[in-house]
């Protein structure tokens, strides 16, 4: 099926996740493969093809899922999150400038959300779903969102 002939553009989605405490002890691997917490297991199992993933890392800042990183042990603190505000804003602004996302799902806990404080104004122009609640609730919201966009992708 030729999408240009039909005038359809494939929908594109963005997911923003926190790094995870649970990591595989590997070096020079894709970030999506290093992080091994529950969010990452769900994403690896249910990832639709036109989903971009950004990860907010205590060590690396805002990174793409396919950037190469190595195992580390650093937790996100309020201070670290505040240190990352400007860098996160600049990187996110650049990514949003060159990509059109139909929907953005932000699945961050409150300490991580502090790093997005300056970015909220650029996100306001997008269809954004902010996950909320404790980790189990956010995991459930993530599963449901991935299923819904997976169904949309299959329906195209």
Foldseek 3Di string as FASTA:
>chain_A
DDCVVVVDDDAAEEEEEEADQDFDQFFFFFSLNGGDDLLSVLCVVQPDDRYWYWYAYLPPGIDTRGGTGGDDHDDQDLVSLQVLQVVNQVVVVVVCVVDPHQEYEYQDDPSNVSSCVVVVVVCVVHHYDYQDDDPVSSSVVSNVVSVVVNVVNVVD
